[in-house]
């Protein structure tokens, strides 16, 4: 189905896992895990909803979007999350949300993302852990929201990761603080220098990755 609409909804405590299996006398990892809580094609529109406690276990470290995975968004499909709580979800990339928002606006308003994690099964996988709260591929706007107390043991995994710095991020009256990676506070990061605009924000420990 195209798009996902949540209104006064709760998506909680779902789990997905993959393991190695024997194929052609070789151990092969299972398929990627995407969107443990919910998988949305093109867009998500959510109001007064909670996505919590959803968990991906991947032996091959190929999981994304522990809470929500928004697939293949484009200029014709904008996503809007309002008055929502995204908490306690886990995946390698985008513990709370992974947005493949190529050209499609992704806006978060009056919402909280906390207690989400980027979880790697081994040291090799930790190099790919990104975005304990949000992993975004496109333009991102966050207003009147809090992203805090998201964490991972992997070094260099920020709470908010911008995978395509050619798209700008805008924050207004937003707190991004007390997120930890390998024991250090780490808030916002991108693959190369990024453009961030906005006002009345508290953004802690931001850095390129």
N, C-alpha and C. Protein backbone atom coordinates (compact mmCIF):
# COMPACT_ATOMS: atom_id res chain seq x y z
N UNK A 1 0.84 -1.19 0.00
CA UNK A 1 0.00 0.00 0.00
C UNK A 1 0.88 1.24 0.00
N UNK A 2 0.37 2.31 -0.62
CA UNK A 2 1.12 3.55 -0.64
C UNK A 2 0.84 4.34 0.62
N UNK A 3 1.91 4.71 1.29
CA UNK A 3 1.77 5.57 2.45
C UNK A 3 1.27 4.85 3.69
N UNK A 4 1.51 5.50 4.82
CA UNK A 4 1.07 4.98 6.11
C UNK A 4 0.49 6.15 6.90
N UNK A 5 -0.72 5.96 7.42
CA UNK A 5 -1.39 6.99 8.22
C UNK A 5 -1.65 6.43 9.61
N UNK A 6 -1.13 7.12 10.63
CA UNK A 6 -1.34 6.72 12.02
C UNK A 6 -2.04 7.87 12.74
N UNK A 7 -3.13 7.57 13.40
CA UNK A 7 -3.87 8.58 14.15
C UNK A 7 -4.28 7.99 15.49
N UNK A 8 -3.71 8.54 16.57
CA UNK A 8 -3.99 8.01 17.92
C UNK A 8 -3.71 6.50 17.95
N UNK A 9 -2.56 6.12 17.44
CA UNK A 9 -2.21 4.71 17.31
C UNK A 9 -0.99 4.35 18.15
N UNK A 10 -0.81 3.06 18.37
CA UNK A 10 0.37 2.56 19.08
C UNK A 10 0.92 1.35 18.33
N UNK A 11 2.23 1.39 18.05
CA UNK A 11 2.92 0.24 17.44
C UNK A 11 4.08 -0.11 18.36
N UNK A 12 3.97 -1.22 19.04
CA UNK A 12 4.94 -1.51 20.11
C UNK A 12 5.31 -2.98 20.17
N UNK A 13 6.57 -3.21 20.59
CA UNK A 13 7.10 -4.50 20.99
C UNK A 13 7.05 -5.55 19.87
N UNK A 14 7.38 -5.11 18.68
CA UNK A 14 7.58 -6.05 17.58
C UNK A 14 9.07 -6.38 17.47
N UNK A 15 9.38 -7.58 17.03
CA UNK A 15 10.77 -8.00 16.87
C UNK A 15 10.95 -8.70 15.53
N UNK A 16 12.11 -8.51 14.94
CA UNK A 16 12.45 -9.21 13.70
C UNK A 16 13.92 -9.63 13.79
N UNK A 17 14.23 -10.77 13.20
CA UNK A 17 15.60 -11.26 13.27
C UNK A 17 15.96 -12.00 11.99
N UNK A 18 17.24 -12.06 11.70
CA UNK A 18 17.72 -12.93 10.63
C UNK A 18 18.96 -13.66 11.11
N UNK A 19 19.22 -14.79 10.50
CA UNK A 19 20.34 -15.63 10.91
C UNK A 19 21.03 -16.17 9.67
N UNK A 20 22.17 -16.78 9.88
CA UNK A 20 22.88 -17.41 8.77
C UNK A 20 22.20 -18.73 8.40
N UNK A 21 22.21 -19.02 7.12
CA UNK A 21 21.70 -20.31 6.64
C UNK A 21 22.66 -20.88 5.61
N UNK A 22 22.60 -22.20 5.44
CA UNK A 22 23.50 -22.87 4.51
C UNK A 22 22.96 -22.77 3.08
N UNK A 23 23.74 -22.16 2.19
CA UNK A 23 23.38 -22.07 0.78
C UNK A 23 24.62 -22.39 -0.05
N UNK A 24 24.50 -23.39 -0.91
CA UNK A 24 25.65 -23.82 -1.73
C UNK A 24 26.88 -24.10 -0.87
N UNK A 25 26.61 -24.80 0.23
CA UNK A 25 27.66 -25.20 1.16
C UNK A 25 28.39 -24.02 1.80
N UNK A 26 27.74 -22.88 1.82
CA UNK A 26 28.32 -21.70 2.45
C UNK A 26 27.28 -21.06 3.37
N UNK A 27 27.78 -20.45 4.45
CA UNK A 27 26.89 -19.75 5.36
C UNK A 27 26.56 -18.37 4.81
N UNK A 28 25.28 -18.12 4.56
CA UNK A 28 24.84 -16.85 4.01
C UNK A 28 23.92 -16.14 5.01
N UNK A 29 24.08 -14.81 5.14
CA UNK A 29 23.20 -14.09 6.06
C UNK A 29 21.79 -13.96 5.51
N UNK A 30 20.85 -13.75 6.40
CA UNK A 30 19.47 -13.55 5.99
C UNK A 30 19.28 -12.19 5.32
N UNK A 31 18.09 -11.98 4.79
CA UNK A 31 17.78 -10.73 4.10
C UNK A 31 17.76 -9.56 5.08
N UNK A 32 17.88 -8.36 4.54
CA UNK A 32 17.88 -7.16 5.37
C UNK A 32 16.56 -7.01 6.11
N UNK A 33 16.63 -6.44 7.31
CA UNK A 33 15.44 -6.16 8.10
C UNK A 33 15.16 -4.66 8.00
N UNK A 34 13.98 -4.28 7.55
CA UNK A 34 13.62 -2.88 7.38
C UNK A 34 12.24 -2.61 7.95
N UNK A 35 12.18 -1.67 8.89
CA UNK A 35 10.89 -1.27 9.44
C UNK A 35 10.26 -2.30 10.35
N UNK A 36 10.85 -2.49 11.53
CA UNK A 36 10.32 -3.51 12.46
C UNK A 36 8.95 -3.08 12.98
N UNK A 37 8.84 -1.81 13.39
CA UNK A 37 7.53 -1.32 13.84
C UNK A 37 6.57 -1.19 12.70
N UNK A 38 6.97 -0.45 11.66
CA UNK A 38 6.13 -0.27 10.48
C UNK A 38 6.98 0.11 9.29
N UNK A 39 6.59 -0.36 8.11
CA UNK A 39 7.25 -0.05 6.85
C UNK A 39 6.27 0.72 5.99
N UNK A 40 6.65 1.93 5.57
CA UNK A 40 5.74 2.78 4.80
C UNK A 40 6.32 3.05 3.42
N UNK A 41 5.54 2.82 2.39
CA UNK A 41 5.94 3.18 1.04
C UNK A 41 5.54 4.63 0.77
N UNK A 42 6.51 5.44 0.38
CA UNK A 42 6.32 6.81 -0.09
C UNK A 42 6.17 7.86 1.01
N UNK A 43 5.36 7.62 2.02
CA UNK A 43 5.22 8.65 3.06
C UNK A 43 4.61 8.07 4.32
N UNK A 44 4.76 8.83 5.42
CA UNK A 44 4.06 8.53 6.66
C UNK A 44 3.43 9.82 7.17
N UNK A 45 2.20 9.73 7.62
CA UNK A 45 1.50 10.84 8.27
C UNK A 45 1.01 10.31 9.62
N UNK A 46 1.58 10.85 10.67
CA UNK A 46 1.28 10.32 12.01
C UNK A 46 0.91 11.45 12.96
N UNK A 47 -0.13 11.23 13.75
CA UNK A 47 -0.59 12.19 14.74
C UNK A 47 -0.90 11.48 16.05
N UNK A 48 -0.42 12.06 17.16
CA UNK A 48 -0.76 11.56 18.49
C UNK A 48 -0.57 10.04 18.59
N UNK A 49 0.56 9.57 18.12
CA UNK A 49 0.82 8.13 18.10
C UNK A 49 2.14 7.81 18.78
N UNK A 50 2.28 6.54 19.16
CA UNK A 50 3.49 6.06 19.82
C UNK A 50 4.04 4.86 19.07
N UNK A 51 5.34 4.90 18.79
CA UNK A 51 6.06 3.77 18.20
C UNK A 51 7.18 3.43 19.17
N UNK A 52 7.09 2.29 19.83
CA UNK A 52 8.03 2.02 20.93
C UNK A 52 8.37 0.55 21.05
N UNK A 53 9.60 0.29 21.53
CA UNK A 53 10.00 -1.06 21.90
C UNK A 53 10.13 -2.04 20.76
N UNK A 54 10.33 -1.55 19.54
CA UNK A 54 10.49 -2.43 18.39
C UNK A 54 11.99 -2.70 18.17
N UNK A 55 12.34 -3.95 17.85
CA UNK A 55 13.74 -4.35 17.92
C UNK A 55 14.13 -5.24 16.75
N UNK A 56 15.26 -4.91 16.11
CA UNK A 56 15.79 -5.74 15.04
C UNK A 56 17.05 -6.45 15.50
N UNK A 57 17.12 -7.75 15.30
CA UNK A 57 18.33 -8.51 15.58
C UNK A 57 18.83 -9.08 14.26
N UNK A 58 20.00 -8.63 13.82
CA UNK A 58 20.53 -9.05 12.54
C UNK A 58 21.96 -9.53 12.70
N UNK A 59 22.20 -10.80 12.42
CA UNK A 59 23.56 -11.33 12.53
C UNK A 59 24.47 -10.71 11.48
N UNK A 60 23.90 -10.23 10.39
CA UNK A 60 24.69 -9.66 9.31
C UNK A 60 24.79 -8.14 9.41
N UNK A 61 24.26 -7.56 10.48
CA UNK A 61 24.27 -6.12 10.67
C UNK A 61 23.70 -5.40 9.45
N UNK A 62 22.50 -5.80 9.04
CA UNK A 62 21.85 -5.16 7.90
C UNK A 62 20.40 -4.79 8.22
N UNK A 63 20.21 -4.19 9.40
CA UNK A 63 18.87 -3.77 9.80
C UNK A 63 18.75 -2.25 9.75
N UNK A 64 17.55 -1.76 9.47
CA UNK A 64 17.32 -0.32 9.35
C UNK A 64 15.89 0.02 9.74
N UNK A 65 15.73 1.16 10.43
CA UNK A 65 14.39 1.60 10.79
C UNK A 65 13.74 0.73 11.85
N UNK A 66 14.28 0.77 13.07
CA UNK A 66 13.72 -0.06 14.13
C UNK A 66 12.27 0.28 14.43
N UNK A 67 11.96 1.58 14.47
CA UNK A 67 10.58 2.00 14.70
C UNK A 67 9.81 2.15 13.41
N UNK A 68 10.30 3.04 12.53
CA UNK A 68 9.65 3.31 11.24
C UNK A 68 10.68 3.31 10.11
N UNK A 69 10.30 2.75 8.98
CA UNK A 69 11.10 2.82 7.76
C UNK A 69 10.21 3.42 6.68
N UNK A 70 10.64 4.58 6.15
CA UNK A 70 9.88 5.24 5.08
C UNK A 70 10.63 5.03 3.78
N UNK A 71 10.03 4.30 2.86
CA UNK A 71 10.71 3.86 1.65
C UNK A 71 10.35 4.71 0.43
N UNK A 72 11.38 5.10 -0.33
CA UNK A 72 11.20 5.65 -1.67
C UNK A 72 10.33 6.91 -1.71
N UNK A 73 10.49 7.79 -0.73
CA UNK A 73 9.77 9.06 -0.76
C UNK A 73 10.37 9.96 -1.83
N UNK A 74 9.52 10.77 -2.47
CA UNK A 74 10.00 11.70 -3.48
C UNK A 74 9.25 13.03 -3.36
N UNK A 75 9.47 13.94 -4.30
CA UNK A 75 8.91 15.28 -4.19
C UNK A 75 7.39 15.28 -4.11
N UNK A 76 6.76 14.25 -4.62
CA UNK A 76 5.30 14.19 -4.60
C UNK A 76 4.75 13.61 -3.30
N UNK A 77 5.64 13.14 -2.43
CA UNK A 77 5.19 12.48 -1.20
C UNK A 77 5.93 13.04 0.00
N UNK A 78 5.27 13.88 0.76
CA UNK A 78 5.87 14.45 1.96
C UNK A 78 5.41 13.68 3.19
N UNK A 79 6.28 13.60 4.18
CA UNK A 79 5.95 12.92 5.43
C UNK A 79 5.85 13.94 6.55
N UNK A 80 4.90 13.72 7.46
CA UNK A 80 4.69 14.62 8.58
C UNK A 80 4.36 13.80 9.82
N UNK A 81 5.16 13.98 10.86
CA UNK A 81 4.94 13.32 12.14
C UNK A 81 4.69 14.40 13.18
N UNK A 82 3.53 14.38 13.84
CA UNK A 82 3.15 15.42 14.80
C UNK A 82 2.67 14.78 16.10
N UNK A 83 3.08 15.39 17.21
CA UNK A 83 2.61 14.97 18.52
C UNK A 83 2.80 13.47 18.73
N UNK A 84 3.97 12.97 18.38
CA UNK A 84 4.24 11.53 18.49
C UNK A 84 5.43 11.26 19.39
N UNK A 85 5.49 10.04 19.89
CA UNK A 85 6.62 9.55 20.67
C UNK A 85 7.23 8.35 19.97
N UNK A 86 8.52 8.44 19.67
CA UNK A 86 9.26 7.34 19.06
C UNK A 86 10.33 6.95 20.07
N UNK A 87 10.17 5.83 20.76
CA UNK A 87 11.07 5.54 21.88
C UNK A 87 11.38 4.05 21.99
N UNK A 88 12.59 3.78 22.46
CA UNK A 88 12.97 2.41 22.80
C UNK A 88 13.05 1.45 21.64
N UNK A 89 13.27 1.97 20.43
CA UNK A 89 13.40 1.12 19.25
C UNK A 89 14.88 0.90 18.93
N UNK A 90 15.18 -0.14 18.16
CA UNK A 90 16.59 -0.44 17.89
C UNK A 90 16.77 -1.05 16.51
N UNK A 91 17.82 -0.58 15.80
CA UNK A 91 18.27 -1.16 14.54
C UNK A 91 19.69 -0.65 14.30
N UNK A 92 20.39 -1.22 13.35
CA UNK A 92 21.76 -0.77 13.08
C UNK A 92 21.76 0.67 12.58
N UNK A 93 20.90 0.97 11.60
CA UNK A 93 20.78 2.33 11.07
C UNK A 93 19.35 2.82 11.30
N UNK A 94 19.25 4.03 11.88
CA UNK A 94 17.93 4.56 12.15
C UNK A 94 17.20 3.77 13.21
N UNK A 95 17.73 3.80 14.44
CA UNK A 95 17.08 3.05 15.52
C UNK A 95 15.62 3.44 15.69
N UNK A 96 15.34 4.75 15.63
CA UNK A 96 13.96 5.20 15.71
C UNK A 96 13.29 5.26 14.35
N UNK A 97 13.92 6.00 13.41
CA UNK A 97 13.34 6.21 12.08
C UNK A 97 14.45 6.16 11.04
N UNK A 98 14.20 5.47 9.93
CA UNK A 98 15.03 5.62 8.75
C UNK A 98 14.14 6.14 7.63
N UNK A 99 14.52 7.30 7.05
CA UNK A 99 13.72 7.93 6.01
C UNK A 99 14.50 7.97 4.71
N UNK A 100 14.03 7.22 3.72
CA UNK A 100 14.59 7.31 2.37
C UNK A 100 13.84 8.42 1.63
N UNK A 101 14.01 9.64 2.14
CA UNK A 101 13.25 10.79 1.64
C UNK A 101 14.04 11.53 0.56
N UNK A 102 14.23 10.86 -0.57
CA UNK A 102 14.96 11.45 -1.68
C UNK A 102 14.09 12.51 -2.35
N UNK A 103 14.26 13.77 -1.98
CA UNK A 103 13.48 14.84 -2.58
C UNK A 103 12.15 15.07 -1.93
N UNK A 104 11.72 14.21 -1.05
CA UNK A 104 10.45 14.39 -0.35
C UNK A 104 10.67 14.99 1.02
N UNK A 105 9.89 15.98 1.36
CA UNK A 105 10.04 16.65 2.66
C UNK A 105 9.67 15.70 3.79
N UNK A 106 10.46 15.74 4.84
CA UNK A 106 10.19 14.94 6.04
C UNK A 106 10.19 15.90 7.22
N UNK A 107 9.05 16.05 7.87
CA UNK A 107 8.89 17.03 8.94
C UNK A 107 8.45 16.36 10.22
N UNK A 108 9.10 16.73 11.30
CA UNK A 108 8.77 16.23 12.64
C UNK A 108 8.40 17.42 13.50
N UNK A 109 7.22 17.40 14.13
CA UNK A 109 6.76 18.52 14.93
C UNK A 109 6.22 18.05 16.28
N UNK A 110 6.57 18.80 17.33
CA UNK A 110 5.99 18.56 18.66
C UNK A 110 6.09 17.09 19.07
N UNK A 111 7.23 16.51 18.83
CA UNK A 111 7.40 15.08 19.07
C UNK A 111 8.67 14.81 19.88
N UNK A 112 8.76 13.60 20.41
CA UNK A 112 9.91 13.18 21.21
C UNK A 112 10.48 11.88 20.68
N UNK A 113 11.80 11.86 20.49
CA UNK A 113 12.51 10.63 20.17
C UNK A 113 13.52 10.38 21.28
N UNK A 114 13.34 9.31 22.03
CA UNK A 114 14.23 9.03 23.16
C UNK A 114 14.38 7.53 23.37
N UNK A 115 15.53 7.16 23.93
CA UNK A 115 15.76 5.76 24.29
C UNK A 115 15.92 4.83 23.12
N UNK A 116 16.11 5.37 21.90
CA UNK A 116 16.35 4.52 20.74
C UNK A 116 17.84 4.19 20.65
N UNK A 117 18.18 3.08 20.00
CA UNK A 117 19.58 2.66 19.93
C UNK A 117 19.95 2.20 18.53
N UNK A 118 21.23 2.38 18.19
CA UNK A 118 21.83 1.75 17.01
C UNK A 118 22.63 0.57 17.51
N UNK A 119 22.22 -0.61 17.14
CA UNK A 119 22.79 -1.81 17.76
C UNK A 119 23.53 -2.65 16.73
N UNK A 120 24.83 -2.84 16.94
CA UNK A 120 25.64 -3.70 16.07
C UNK A 120 25.94 -5.00 16.82
N UNK A 121 25.98 -6.10 16.07
CA UNK A 121 26.22 -7.40 16.70
C UNK A 121 27.69 -7.65 16.96
N UNK A 122 28.57 -6.95 16.21
CA UNK A 122 29.99 -7.18 16.40
C UNK A 122 30.76 -5.90 16.07
N UNK A 123 32.08 -5.93 16.26
CA UNK A 123 32.90 -4.75 16.05
C UNK A 123 32.88 -4.29 14.60
N UNK A 124 32.80 -5.22 13.67
CA UNK A 124 32.76 -4.85 12.25
C UNK A 124 31.50 -4.06 11.94
N UNK A 125 30.40 -4.48 12.52
CA UNK A 125 29.13 -3.81 12.26
C UNK A 125 29.06 -2.42 12.86
N UNK A 126 29.81 -2.17 13.92
CA UNK A 126 29.76 -0.86 14.56
C UNK A 126 30.16 0.26 13.62
N UNK A 127 30.96 -0.04 12.61
CA UNK A 127 31.38 1.00 11.67
C UNK A 127 30.21 1.51 10.84
N UNK A 128 29.11 0.76 10.79
CA UNK A 128 27.96 1.14 9.98
C UNK A 128 26.79 1.65 10.83
N UNK A 129 26.94 1.64 12.13
CA UNK A 129 25.87 2.10 13.01
C UNK A 129 25.74 3.61 12.89
N UNK A 130 24.57 4.10 12.51
CA UNK A 130 24.34 5.52 12.33
C UNK A 130 22.90 5.86 12.68
N UNK A 131 22.72 7.01 13.31
CA UNK A 131 21.38 7.52 13.54
C UNK A 131 20.59 6.76 14.60
N UNK A 132 21.00 6.91 15.86
CA UNK A 132 20.26 6.20 16.91
C UNK A 132 18.79 6.62 16.93
N UNK A 133 18.50 7.88 16.62
CA UNK A 133 17.12 8.35 16.57
C UNK A 133 16.61 8.41 15.13
N UNK A 134 17.36 9.10 14.24
CA UNK A 134 16.91 9.29 12.86
C UNK A 134 18.09 9.14 11.90
N UNK A 135 17.88 8.39 10.83
CA UNK A 135 18.80 8.31 9.70
C UNK A 135 18.02 8.85 8.51
N UNK A 136 18.49 9.98 7.94
CA UNK A 136 17.74 10.65 6.88
C UNK A 136 18.55 10.76 5.61
N UNK A 137 17.91 10.46 4.47
CA UNK A 137 18.56 10.58 3.17
C UNK A 137 18.24 11.90 2.47
N UNK A 138 17.35 12.72 3.03
CA UNK A 138 16.93 13.92 2.32
C UNK A 138 16.66 15.09 3.24
N UNK A 139 15.90 16.06 2.73
CA UNK A 139 15.60 17.27 3.48
C UNK A 139 14.80 16.93 4.74
N UNK A 140 15.21 17.56 5.83
CA UNK A 140 14.62 17.24 7.12
C UNK A 140 14.32 18.52 7.89
N UNK A 141 13.11 18.63 8.43
CA UNK A 141 12.74 19.77 9.26
C UNK A 141 12.19 19.26 10.59
N UNK A 142 12.72 19.80 11.67
CA UNK A 142 12.27 19.40 13.01
C UNK A 142 11.89 20.65 13.78
N UNK A 143 10.66 20.69 14.30
CA UNK A 143 10.16 21.85 15.03
C UNK A 143 9.63 21.42 16.40
N UNK A 144 9.96 22.21 17.41
CA UNK A 144 9.38 22.04 18.75
C UNK A 144 9.45 20.59 19.23
N UNK A 145 10.59 19.98 19.04
CA UNK A 145 10.73 18.56 19.37
C UNK A 145 11.98 18.32 20.21
N UNK A 146 12.03 17.14 20.81
CA UNK A 146 13.17 16.75 21.65
C UNK A 146 13.72 15.42 21.18
N UNK A 147 15.03 15.40 20.94
CA UNK A 147 15.74 14.17 20.61
C UNK A 147 16.82 14.00 21.66
N UNK A 148 16.59 13.12 22.60
CA UNK A 148 17.48 13.02 23.76
C UNK A 148 17.52 11.59 24.30
N UNK A 149 18.65 11.27 24.93
CA UNK A 149 18.84 9.99 25.61
C UNK A 149 18.74 8.80 24.67
N UNK A 150 19.13 9.01 23.42
CA UNK A 150 19.34 7.91 22.49
C UNK A 150 20.80 7.49 22.59
N UNK A 151 21.10 6.21 22.36
CA UNK A 151 22.46 5.78 22.67
C UNK A 151 22.90 4.58 21.83
N UNK A 152 24.22 4.39 21.81
CA UNK A 152 24.84 3.23 21.19
C UNK A 152 26.24 3.07 21.74
N UNK A 153 26.75 1.85 21.71
CA UNK A 153 28.15 1.61 22.10
C UNK A 153 29.10 1.88 20.94
N UNK A 154 28.56 1.98 19.71
CA UNK A 154 29.41 2.17 18.55
C UNK A 154 29.97 3.59 18.52
N UNK A 155 31.24 3.73 18.21
CA UNK A 155 31.87 5.05 18.13
C UNK A 155 31.38 5.78 16.89
N UNK A 156 31.06 7.06 17.05
CA UNK A 156 30.72 7.89 15.91
C UNK A 156 29.31 7.73 15.38
N UNK A 157 28.42 7.14 16.15
CA UNK A 157 27.03 7.01 15.71
C UNK A 157 26.18 8.09 16.37
N UNK A 158 25.81 9.14 15.65
CA UNK A 158 25.07 10.25 16.25
C UNK A 158 23.59 9.92 16.40
N UNK A 159 22.89 10.76 17.15
CA UNK A 159 21.44 10.59 17.27
C UNK A 159 20.75 10.87 15.95
N UNK A 160 21.26 11.86 15.22
CA UNK A 160 20.66 12.25 13.94
C UNK A 160 21.75 12.22 12.87
N UNK A 161 21.57 11.37 11.85
CA UNK A 161 22.57 11.24 10.80
C UNK A 161 21.96 11.64 9.46
N UNK A 162 22.63 12.58 8.77
CA UNK A 162 22.20 13.03 7.46
C UNK A 162 23.09 12.37 6.41
N UNK A 163 22.53 11.42 5.67
CA UNK A 163 23.33 10.63 4.74
C UNK A 163 23.65 11.37 3.45
N UNK A 164 22.83 12.35 3.09
CA UNK A 164 23.04 13.11 1.86
C UNK A 164 23.11 14.59 2.19
N UNK A 165 24.31 15.11 2.44
CA UNK A 165 24.44 16.50 2.88
C UNK A 165 24.04 17.53 1.84
N UNK A 166 23.76 17.10 0.59
CA UNK A 166 23.25 18.04 -0.41
C UNK A 166 21.85 18.53 -0.04
N UNK A 167 21.18 17.81 0.85
CA UNK A 167 19.89 18.25 1.37
C UNK A 167 20.11 18.96 2.70
N UNK A 168 19.37 20.03 2.94
CA UNK A 168 19.55 20.81 4.16
C UNK A 168 18.66 20.28 5.28
N UNK A 169 19.08 20.59 6.50
CA UNK A 169 18.29 20.28 7.68
C UNK A 169 17.90 21.58 8.38
N UNK A 170 16.67 21.66 8.83
CA UNK A 170 16.22 22.85 9.53
C UNK A 170 15.64 22.49 10.89
N UNK A 171 16.07 23.21 11.93
CA UNK A 171 15.60 22.97 13.29
C UNK A 171 15.03 24.26 13.86
N UNK A 172 13.88 24.18 14.51
CA UNK A 172 13.27 25.34 15.15
C UNK A 172 12.78 24.92 16.54
N UNK A 173 13.25 25.63 17.56
CA UNK A 173 12.82 25.36 18.94
C UNK A 173 12.93 23.88 19.27
N UNK A 174 14.09 23.32 18.96
CA UNK A 174 14.31 21.88 19.11
C UNK A 174 15.52 21.61 20.01
N UNK A 175 15.42 20.55 20.80
CA UNK A 175 16.51 20.12 21.67
C UNK A 175 17.06 18.80 21.14
N UNK A 176 18.36 18.78 20.86
CA UNK A 176 19.06 17.53 20.54
C UNK A 176 20.23 17.46 21.50
N UNK A 177 20.09 16.69 22.55
CA UNK A 177 21.08 16.70 23.64
C UNK A 177 21.05 15.39 24.41
N UNK A 178 22.15 15.14 25.14
CA UNK A 178 22.26 13.96 26.00
C UNK A 178 22.06 12.65 25.24
N UNK A 179 22.55 12.63 24.01
CA UNK A 179 22.62 11.40 23.24
C UNK A 179 24.06 10.89 23.31
N UNK A 180 24.25 9.61 23.47
CA UNK A 180 25.60 9.11 23.70
C UNK A 180 26.02 8.07 22.67
N UNK A 181 27.32 8.11 22.36
CA UNK A 181 27.93 7.12 21.47
C UNK A 181 29.29 6.76 22.02
N UNK A 182 29.50 5.54 22.32
CA UNK A 182 30.77 5.11 22.90
C UNK A 182 31.13 5.88 24.15
N UNK A 183 30.12 6.33 24.90
CA UNK A 183 30.35 7.04 26.15
C UNK A 183 30.44 8.55 26.03
N UNK A 184 30.40 9.09 24.79
CA UNK A 184 30.48 10.54 24.60
C UNK A 184 29.16 11.09 24.06
N UNK A 185 28.87 12.37 24.37
CA UNK A 185 27.69 13.01 23.81
C UNK A 185 27.90 13.26 22.33
N UNK A 186 26.88 12.98 21.54
CA UNK A 186 27.01 13.12 20.10
C UNK A 186 25.63 13.34 19.51
N UNK A 187 25.42 14.52 18.88
CA UNK A 187 24.07 14.85 18.47
C UNK A 187 23.77 14.71 17.00
N UNK A 188 24.41 15.53 16.15
CA UNK A 188 24.09 15.59 14.73
C UNK A 188 25.35 15.37 13.91
N UNK A 189 25.23 14.58 12.84
CA UNK A 189 26.39 14.31 12.00
C UNK A 189 25.94 14.09 10.56
N UNK A 190 26.88 14.29 9.62
CA UNK A 190 26.62 13.98 8.23
C UNK A 190 27.88 13.40 7.62
N UNK A 191 27.75 12.87 6.39
CA UNK A 191 28.91 12.28 5.72
C UNK A 191 29.93 13.33 5.31
N UNK A 192 29.50 14.57 5.15
CA UNK A 192 30.39 15.68 4.83
C UNK A 192 29.72 16.96 5.34
N UNK A 193 30.35 18.12 5.24
CA UNK A 193 29.75 19.33 5.80
C UNK A 193 28.31 19.54 5.33
N UNK A 194 27.46 19.93 6.27
CA UNK A 194 26.03 20.04 6.00
C UNK A 194 25.56 21.47 6.23
N UNK A 195 24.36 21.78 5.74
CA UNK A 195 23.74 23.07 5.95
C UNK A 195 22.60 22.92 6.95
N UNK A 196 22.72 23.63 8.06
CA UNK A 196 21.69 23.58 9.09
C UNK A 196 21.21 25.00 9.35
N UNK A 197 19.90 25.18 9.36
CA UNK A 197 19.34 26.50 9.64
C UNK A 197 18.28 26.38 10.71
N UNK A 198 17.90 27.56 11.28
CA UNK A 198 16.85 27.58 12.29
C UNK A 198 17.22 28.45 13.46
N UNK A 199 16.37 28.44 14.48
CA UNK A 199 16.59 29.31 15.63
C UNK A 199 15.98 28.69 16.88
N UNK A 200 16.46 29.20 18.03
CA UNK A 200 15.94 28.79 19.35
C UNK A 200 16.12 27.30 19.58
N UNK A 201 17.30 26.80 19.26
CA UNK A 201 17.60 25.38 19.40
C UNK A 201 18.70 25.14 20.43
N UNK A 202 18.74 23.92 20.94
CA UNK A 202 19.87 23.44 21.71
C UNK A 202 20.36 22.19 21.00
N UNK A 203 21.50 22.31 20.30
CA UNK A 203 22.10 21.21 19.57
C UNK A 203 23.44 20.91 20.20
N UNK A 204 23.57 19.73 20.75
CA UNK A 204 24.78 19.38 21.52
C UNK A 204 25.69 18.46 20.74
N UNK A 205 26.98 18.78 20.78
CA UNK A 205 28.04 17.91 20.26
C UNK A 205 27.77 17.47 18.83
N UNK A 206 27.72 18.44 17.92
CA UNK A 206 27.50 18.15 16.51
C UNK A 206 28.83 18.06 15.78
N UNK A 207 28.93 17.17 14.80
CA UNK A 207 30.21 16.96 14.15
C UNK A 207 30.01 16.27 12.82
N UNK A 208 30.89 16.54 11.82
CA UNK A 208 30.87 15.70 10.60
C UNK A 208 31.39 14.32 10.92
N UNK A 209 30.97 13.33 10.16
CA UNK A 209 31.40 11.96 10.39
C UNK A 209 32.16 11.42 9.18
